[in-house]
Amino acid sequence: MTDSSEPGTNWTMRGVHTSAEIKGGVLVGDDGSDAAVRAVEYAVEEAARRGTDLHVLRAWTIPTAVRPPDLPFGVTPSILEFQEATKAQTLGRATDAGADHPDLQIHAHTVYGRGDQALIGASAGADVLVVGSRGLSRIGNFLIGSTAAACIRQAPVPVVVVR
């Protein structure tokens, strides 16, 4: 299992990732929601079946970032600390989901920005994109969420929406 701060990631704001470049494999979006857990589980099985790498992408902003667990109360994390804590949680969730497939290579990517844009951009190099049917948004009464809908319309690869 690997963690991806590798070439192919664009950098701005002194080390903050604003896009991710995927080279083959299964790409899945993880926003921390229950639907994302199911999407990651599906993507793990799909990557194992295909014998390819799994790329888990978490788009984030300051309000949606994971707070570093070791930071004392009252201390504001830096943007890089937010990014690393978000990436660590994303990799941990994917590693847990992939426990039955120890040979599966899992790469975690974090992108500062909107989820739909990050996934659509990164999917250009993937074989397939997997997304959950609904994310953390409080907007209801839709069959699928706005990110899944945007990915279906704009991603250049097949999109699997996991309910």
Protein backbone atom coordinates (compact mmCIF):
# COMPACT_ATOMS: atom_id res chain seq x y z
CA MET A 1 0.00 0.00 0.00
CA THR A 2 1.31 3.43 -0.84
CA ASP A 3 0.46 6.98 -0.12
CA SER A 4 0.66 9.39 -3.00
CA SER A 5 2.50 12.68 -2.73
CA GLU A 6 4.14 11.57 -5.92
CA PRO A 7 4.81 13.22 -9.25
CA GLY A 8 1.60 13.94 -11.08
CA THR A 9 0.19 16.18 -8.36
CA ASN A 10 0.05 19.90 -9.09
CA TRP A 11 1.11 22.21 -6.29
CA THR A 12 0.15 25.77 -5.46
CA MET A 13 -0.22 27.69 -2.21
CA ARG A 14 3.14 26.32 -1.05
CA GLY A 15 2.46 22.62 -1.09
CA VAL A 16 -1.32 22.42 -1.25
CA HIS A 17 -2.53 20.02 -3.94
CA THR A 18 -5.03 21.57 -6.36
CA SER A 19 -5.29 18.63 -8.75
CA ALA A 20 -4.25 15.01 -9.05
CA GLU A 21 -3.03 13.12 -12.07
CA ILE A 22 -4.01 9.44 -12.17
CA LYS A 23 -2.29 6.96 -14.47
CA GLY A 24 -4.63 4.00 -14.87
CA GLY A 25 -6.57 2.08 -12.28
CA VAL A 26 -9.79 2.64 -10.41
CA LEU A 27 -10.45 6.14 -9.08
CA VAL A 28 -12.96 6.62 -6.26
CA GLY A 29 -14.16 9.75 -4.52
CA ASP A 30 -14.28 9.83 -0.72
CA ASP A 31 -15.91 12.77 1.04
CA GLY A 32 -16.20 11.08 4.42
CA SER A 33 -19.89 10.22 4.02
CA ASP A 34 -21.58 6.83 4.47
CA ALA A 35 -22.20 6.69 0.72
CA ALA A 36 -18.47 7.19 0.17
CA VAL A 37 -17.68 4.23 2.43
CA ARG A 38 -19.81 2.02 0.18
CA ALA A 39 -18.22 3.52 -2.93
CA VAL A 40 -14.71 2.84 -1.58
CA GLU A 41 -15.68 -0.75 -0.72
CA TYR A 42 -17.01 -1.25 -4.26
CA ALA A 43 -13.89 0.35 -5.76
CA VAL A 44 -11.62 -1.93 -3.71
CA GLU A 45 -13.36 -4.99 -5.12
CA GLU A 46 -13.30 -3.56 -8.65
CA ALA A 47 -9.57 -2.76 -8.47
CA ALA A 48 -8.80 -6.21 -7.06
CA ARG A 49 -10.89 -7.88 -9.78
CA ARG A 50 -9.11 -5.87 -12.49
CA GLY A 51 -5.69 -6.40 -10.92
CA THR A 52 -4.99 -2.67 -10.95
CA ASP A 53 -4.24 0.13 -8.49
CA LEU A 54 -6.87 1.93 -6.45
CA HIS A 55 -6.76 5.72 -6.28
CA VAL A 56 -8.85 7.34 -3.54
CA LEU A 57 -9.37 11.07 -3.98
CA ARG A 58 -10.65 13.39 -1.29
CA ALA A 59 -11.41 16.95 -2.29
CA TRP A 60 -11.48 19.32 0.65
CA THR A 61 -11.77 22.91 1.76
CA ILE A 62 -11.13 24.41 5.19
CA PRO A 63 -14.69 23.68 6.45
CA THR A 64 -14.54 20.04 5.25
CA ALA A 65 -10.94 19.27 6.20
CA VAL A 66 -10.03 16.76 8.88
CA ARG A 67 -8.56 18.41 11.95
CA PRO A 68 -5.22 16.90 12.99
CA PRO A 69 -6.00 14.70 16.01
CA ASP A 70 -2.80 15.57 17.90
CA LEU A 71 -3.33 19.34 17.84
CA PRO A 72 -4.25 20.90 21.20
CA PHE A 73 -7.59 22.64 21.59
CA GLY A 74 -7.36 26.31 20.66
CA VAL A 75 -4.55 25.84 18.13
CA THR A 76 -5.45 26.47 14.51
CA PRO A 77 -3.83 24.00 12.11
CA SER A 78 -1.94 25.21 9.07
CA ILE A 79 -3.41 24.46 5.67
CA LEU A 80 -0.71 21.80 5.18
CA GLU A 81 -1.64 20.17 8.50
CA PHE A 82 -5.28 20.09 7.38
CA GLN A 83 -4.21 18.51 4.10
CA GLU A 84 -2.07 15.84 5.76
CA ALA A 85 -4.76 14.93 8.34
CA THR A 86 -7.35 14.68 5.56
CA LYS A 87 -5.01 12.50 3.51
CA ALA A 88 -4.21 10.26 6.48
CA GLN A 89 -7.90 9.69 7.19
CA THR A 90 -8.60 8.98 3.52
CA LEU A 91 -5.75 6.47 3.27
CA GLY A 92 -6.81 4.84 6.56
CA ARG A 93 -10.41 4.38 5.41
CA ALA A 94 -9.27 2.89 2.10
CA THR A 95 -6.73 0.63 3.77
CA ASP A 96 -9.42 -0.66 6.13
CA ALA A 97 -11.74 -1.33 3.18
CA GLY A 98 -8.94 -3.14 1.35
CA ALA A 99 -7.89 -5.36 4.26
CA ASP A 100 -9.00 -8.51 2.39
CA HIS A 101 -6.72 -7.62 -0.53
CA PRO A 102 -3.20 -7.18 0.91
CA ASP A 103 -1.59 -6.98 -2.55
CA LEU A 104 -3.81 -4.12 -3.68
CA GLN A 105 -1.88 -0.90 -4.19
CA ILE A 106 -3.84 1.98 -2.67
CA HIS A 107 -2.94 5.60 -3.38
CA ALA A 108 -4.52 8.48 -1.45
CA HIS A 109 -4.83 11.87 -3.13
CA THR A 110 -6.09 15.10 -1.60
CA VAL A 111 -7.16 18.05 -3.69
CA TYR A 112 -8.03 21.46 -2.33
CA GLY A 113 -11.21 22.46 -4.13
CA ARG A 114 -14.57 21.21 -5.31
CA GLY A 115 -15.15 17.47 -5.41
CA ASP A 116 -16.78 17.32 -8.82
CA GLN A 117 -14.00 19.31 -10.50
CA ALA A 118 -11.25 17.32 -8.77
CA LEU A 119 -12.77 13.95 -9.70
CA ILE A 120 -13.53 14.92 -13.30
CA GLY A 121 -10.00 16.26 -13.77
CA ALA A 122 -8.31 13.25 -12.20
CA SER A 123 -10.53 10.77 -14.04
CA ALA A 124 -8.89 11.66 -17.36
CA GLY A 125 -6.13 9.18 -16.56
CA ALA A 126 -8.21 6.51 -14.79
CA ASP A 127 -9.87 3.43 -16.24
CA VAL A 128 -13.12 3.94 -14.32
CA LEU A 129 -14.50 6.43 -11.78
CA VAL A 130 -16.55 5.30 -8.77
CA VAL A 131 -18.64 7.74 -6.73
CA GLY A 132 -21.25 7.46 -4.02
CA SER A 133 -24.83 8.33 -4.85
CA ARG A 134 -25.03 11.10 -2.26
CA GLY A 135 -22.47 12.94 -0.21
CA LEU A 136 -22.40 15.17 2.83
CA SER A 137 -24.63 17.87 1.33
CA ARG A 138 -27.82 18.60 3.24
CA ILE A 139 -29.78 19.11 0.03
CA GLY A 140 -32.35 16.34 -0.23
CA ASN A 141 -34.93 14.92 -2.60
CA PHE A 142 -32.47 14.05 -5.36
CA LEU A 143 -31.88 10.55 -6.69
CA ILE A 144 -28.15 11.24 -6.82
CA GLY A 145 -26.00 14.02 -5.47
CA SER A 146 -24.64 16.92 -7.47
CA THR A 147 -21.09 15.54 -7.56
CA ALA A 148 -22.25 12.18 -8.95
CA ALA A 149 -24.45 13.96 -11.51
CA ALA A 150 -21.56 16.18 -12.65
CA CYS A 151 -19.25 13.17 -12.95
CA ILE A 152 -21.79 11.26 -15.03
CA ARG A 153 -22.13 14.23 -17.40
CA GLN A 154 -18.49 15.26 -17.68
CA ALA A 155 -16.06 12.47 -16.77
CA PRO A 156 -14.21 11.08 -19.80
CA VAL A 157 -14.34 7.50 -18.43
CA PRO A 158 -17.14 5.15 -17.36
CA VAL A 159 -18.71 6.22 -14.04
CA VAL A 160 -20.13 3.81 -11.48
CA VAL A 161 -22.54 5.35 -8.97
CA VAL A 162 -22.82 3.24 -5.82
CA ARG A 163 -26.05 3.55 -3.87
